[in-house]
Amino acid sequence: MDIRIGVTQAPREISLEMADDEKVHAKIRAAVEAALEGKSAVLWLTDKRGKETAIPSAKIAFVEFGAPNGDRKMGFGS
């Protein structure tokens, strides 16, 4: 599962590749909701390779959950 997070006053989104597991998805969703509600000052996420990313909750513009990169179609084919 891919997650894209928009940060205010930043030109690019943060893209993370997470494990494809419903339990992980629910845990991440709960952490994002807590951050957006102001219950935590920093949103900490760990990708599937173990890399940790911290995002200040006040700077989160949007969060998008999506399919893994392998499912995206690229190119000019139909």
N, C-alpha and C. Protein backbone atom coordinates (compact mmCIF):
# COMPACT_ATOMS: atom_id res chain seq x y z
N MET A 1 0.84 -1.16 0.00
CA MET A 1 0.00 0.00 0.00
C MET A 1 0.90 1.23 0.00
N ASP A 2 0.54 2.19 -0.80
CA ASP A 2 1.26 3.45 -0.86
C ASP A 2 0.49 4.51 -0.08
N ILE A 3 1.24 5.40 0.55
CA ILE A 3 0.65 6.54 1.22
C ILE A 3 1.35 7.79 0.71
N ARG A 4 0.56 8.77 0.32
CA ARG A 4 1.08 10.08 -0.08
C ARG A 4 0.57 11.10 0.93
N ILE A 5 1.48 11.91 1.43
CA ILE A 5 1.13 12.92 2.42
C ILE A 5 1.57 14.28 1.91
N GLY A 6 0.61 15.18 1.78
CA GLY A 6 0.91 16.55 1.38
C GLY A 6 1.26 17.35 2.62
N VAL A 7 2.30 18.16 2.51
CA VAL A 7 2.74 19.00 3.62
C VAL A 7 2.63 20.45 3.17
N THR A 8 2.01 21.28 4.03
CA THR A 8 1.85 22.69 3.68
C THR A 8 3.21 23.34 3.50
N GLN A 9 3.28 24.24 2.57
CA GLN A 9 4.48 25.00 2.22
C GLN A 9 5.64 24.12 1.80
N ALA A 10 5.33 22.97 1.20
CA ALA A 10 6.36 22.09 0.64
C ALA A 10 5.95 21.77 -0.80
N PRO A 11 6.89 21.81 -1.74
CA PRO A 11 6.54 21.62 -3.14
C PRO A 11 6.16 20.19 -3.53
N ARG A 12 6.60 19.18 -2.76
CA ARG A 12 6.31 17.78 -3.10
C ARG A 12 5.65 17.06 -1.94
N GLU A 13 4.96 15.97 -2.29
CA GLU A 13 4.36 15.13 -1.26
C GLU A 13 5.41 14.16 -0.73
N ILE A 14 5.11 13.62 0.42
CA ILE A 14 5.92 12.54 0.99
C ILE A 14 5.26 11.24 0.55
N SER A 15 6.01 10.35 -0.06
CA SER A 15 5.48 9.06 -0.52
C SER A 15 6.15 7.94 0.26
N LEU A 16 5.31 7.07 0.82
CA LEU A 16 5.81 5.93 1.59
C LEU A 16 5.18 4.65 1.07
N GLU A 17 5.96 3.60 1.02
CA GLU A 17 5.45 2.29 0.63
C GLU A 17 5.32 1.45 1.90
N MET A 18 4.09 1.11 2.24
CA MET A 18 3.80 0.39 3.47
C MET A 18 3.47 -1.07 3.17
N ALA A 19 3.46 -1.89 4.21
CA ALA A 19 3.11 -3.30 4.07
C ALA A 19 1.65 -3.43 3.66
N ASP A 20 1.34 -4.42 2.83
CA ASP A 20 -0.03 -4.68 2.40
C ASP A 20 -0.72 -5.60 3.40
N ASP A 21 -1.15 -5.03 4.50
CA ASP A 21 -1.77 -5.80 5.57
C ASP A 21 -2.88 -4.95 6.16
N GLU A 22 -4.05 -5.53 6.34
CA GLU A 22 -5.20 -4.79 6.86
C GLU A 22 -4.94 -4.26 8.27
N LYS A 23 -4.23 -5.02 9.10
CA LYS A 23 -3.93 -4.55 10.45
C LYS A 23 -3.02 -3.34 10.42
N VAL A 24 -2.03 -3.35 9.54
CA VAL A 24 -1.12 -2.21 9.39
C VAL A 24 -1.90 -1.01 8.86
N HIS A 25 -2.77 -1.25 7.89
CA HIS A 25 -3.59 -0.18 7.32
C HIS A 25 -4.45 0.48 8.40
N ALA A 26 -5.09 -0.31 9.24
CA ALA A 26 -5.95 0.22 10.31
C ALA A 26 -5.12 1.00 11.32
N LYS A 27 -3.92 0.51 11.64
CA LYS A 27 -3.06 1.18 12.60
C LYS A 27 -2.60 2.54 12.06
N ILE A 28 -2.24 2.57 10.79
CA ILE A 28 -1.79 3.82 10.16
C ILE A 28 -2.95 4.82 10.09
N ARG A 29 -4.11 4.33 9.72
CA ARG A 29 -5.29 5.20 9.63
C ARG A 29 -5.60 5.82 11.00
N ALA A 30 -5.51 5.03 12.06
CA ALA A 30 -5.76 5.54 13.41
C ALA A 30 -4.71 6.59 13.80
N ALA A 31 -3.45 6.36 13.44
CA ALA A 31 -2.39 7.33 13.75
C ALA A 31 -2.60 8.63 12.99
N VAL A 32 -3.02 8.54 11.72
CA VAL A 32 -3.28 9.73 10.91
C VAL A 32 -4.47 10.50 11.50
N GLU A 33 -5.54 9.80 11.86
CA GLU A 33 -6.70 10.46 12.45
C GLU A 33 -6.34 11.16 13.76
N ALA A 34 -5.53 10.53 14.60
CA ALA A 34 -5.10 11.15 15.85
C ALA A 34 -4.28 12.41 15.58
N ALA A 35 -3.41 12.35 14.58
CA ALA A 35 -2.59 13.52 14.24
C ALA A 35 -3.46 14.66 13.72
N LEU A 36 -4.42 14.35 12.87
CA LEU A 36 -5.28 15.39 12.30
C LEU A 36 -6.23 15.99 13.34
N GLU A 37 -6.58 15.20 14.35
CA GLU A 37 -7.44 15.69 15.43
C GLU A 37 -6.66 16.48 16.48
N GLY A 38 -5.33 16.51 16.35
CA GLY A 38 -4.50 17.24 17.29
C GLY A 38 -4.14 16.47 18.54
N LYS A 39 -4.38 15.17 18.55
CA LYS A 39 -4.06 14.34 19.71
C LYS A 39 -2.56 14.04 19.81
N SER A 40 -1.84 14.18 18.70
CA SER A 40 -0.39 14.01 18.71
C SER A 40 0.23 15.12 17.87
N ALA A 41 1.37 15.63 18.33
CA ALA A 41 2.03 16.74 17.64
C ALA A 41 2.79 16.28 16.40
N VAL A 42 3.19 15.00 16.39
CA VAL A 42 3.99 14.46 15.29
C VAL A 42 3.39 13.13 14.84
N LEU A 43 3.28 12.96 13.53
CA LEU A 43 2.85 11.69 12.96
C LEU A 43 4.10 10.90 12.59
N TRP A 44 4.31 9.77 13.26
CA TRP A 44 5.44 8.89 12.97
C TRP A 44 4.94 7.71 12.17
N LEU A 45 5.58 7.44 11.03
CA LEU A 45 5.24 6.28 10.20
C LEU A 45 6.50 5.51 9.88
N THR A 46 6.40 4.19 9.85
CA THR A 46 7.52 3.33 9.50
C THR A 46 7.14 2.56 8.24
N ASP A 47 7.94 2.72 7.17
CA ASP A 47 7.62 2.04 5.92
C ASP A 47 8.02 0.57 5.99
N LYS A 48 7.77 -0.16 4.91
CA LYS A 48 8.01 -1.60 4.93
C LYS A 48 9.48 -1.98 4.98
N ARG A 49 10.37 -1.03 4.75
CA ARG A 49 11.81 -1.29 4.85
C ARG A 49 12.36 -0.91 6.22
N GLY A 50 11.50 -0.37 7.10
CA GLY A 50 11.93 0.01 8.44
C GLY A 50 12.34 1.46 8.58
N LYS A 51 12.25 2.25 7.51
CA LYS A 51 12.60 3.67 7.56
C LYS A 51 11.50 4.45 8.26
N GLU A 52 11.86 5.23 9.27
CA GLU A 52 10.89 6.03 10.02
C GLU A 52 10.82 7.45 9.48
N THR A 53 9.61 7.97 9.40
CA THR A 53 9.38 9.33 8.91
C THR A 53 8.50 10.05 9.91
N ALA A 54 8.89 11.29 10.25
CA ALA A 54 8.11 12.11 11.17
C ALA A 54 7.57 13.32 10.41
N ILE A 55 6.29 13.60 10.61
CA ILE A 55 5.65 14.73 9.96
C ILE A 55 4.92 15.53 11.03
N PRO A 56 5.20 16.84 11.15
CA PRO A 56 4.47 17.65 12.13
C PRO A 56 2.98 17.64 11.80
N SER A 57 2.15 17.31 12.76
CA SER A 57 0.71 17.19 12.53
C SER A 57 0.09 18.48 12.00
N ALA A 58 0.57 19.61 12.47
CA ALA A 58 0.02 20.91 12.06
C ALA A 58 0.31 21.22 10.59
N LYS A 59 1.27 20.54 9.99
CA LYS A 59 1.66 20.81 8.60
C LYS A 59 1.05 19.86 7.59
N ILE A 60 0.26 18.87 8.03
CA ILE A 60 -0.33 17.90 7.11
C ILE A 60 -1.46 18.56 6.33
N ALA A 61 -1.36 18.54 4.99
CA ALA A 61 -2.39 19.11 4.13
C ALA A 61 -3.39 18.04 3.69
N PHE A 62 -2.88 16.86 3.32
CA PHE A 62 -3.75 15.74 2.94
C PHE A 62 -3.01 14.43 3.10
N VAL A 63 -3.77 13.35 3.20
CA VAL A 63 -3.21 11.99 3.26
C VAL A 63 -4.00 11.14 2.28
N GLU A 64 -3.28 10.45 1.40
CA GLU A 64 -3.92 9.61 0.39
C GLU A 64 -3.40 8.18 0.51
N PHE A 65 -4.32 7.24 0.71
CA PHE A 65 -3.98 5.83 0.75
C PHE A 65 -4.26 5.26 -0.64
N GLY A 66 -3.33 4.46 -1.18
CA GLY A 66 -3.55 3.93 -2.52
C GLY A 66 -2.93 2.56 -2.72
N ALA A 67 -3.03 2.11 -3.96
CA ALA A 67 -2.49 0.82 -4.36
C ALA A 67 -0.97 0.90 -4.46
N PRO A 68 -0.29 -0.23 -4.38
CA PRO A 68 1.16 -0.24 -4.55
C PRO A 68 1.57 0.28 -5.93
N ASN A 69 2.81 0.74 -6.04
CA ASN A 69 3.32 1.29 -7.30
C ASN A 69 3.21 0.30 -8.45
N GLY A 70 3.32 -0.97 -8.21
CA GLY A 70 3.29 -1.97 -9.27
C GLY A 70 1.94 -2.02 -9.99
N ASP A 71 0.88 -1.55 -9.37
CA ASP A 71 -0.44 -1.59 -9.98
C ASP A 71 -0.73 -0.39 -10.89
N ARG A 72 0.14 0.57 -10.89
CA ARG A 72 -0.10 1.77 -11.70
C ARG A 72 0.33 1.53 -13.14
N LYS A 73 -0.45 2.05 -14.06
CA LYS A 73 -0.11 1.91 -15.48
C LYS A 73 0.62 3.17 -15.93
N MET A 74 1.66 2.96 -16.74
CA MET A 74 2.43 4.09 -17.25
C MET A 74 2.61 3.90 -18.75
N GLY A 75 2.86 5.00 -19.40
CA GLY A 75 3.13 4.95 -20.82
C GLY A 75 1.96 5.40 -21.65
N PHE A 76 2.04 5.16 -22.97
CA PHE A 76 1.03 5.64 -23.89
C PHE A 76 0.10 4.55 -24.38
N GLY A 77 0.25 3.34 -23.88
CA GLY A 77 -0.59 2.23 -24.31
C GLY A 77 -2.03 2.39 -23.83
N SER A 78 -2.94 1.68 -24.49
CA SER A 78 -4.34 1.80 -24.07
C SER A 78 -4.82 0.60 -23.33
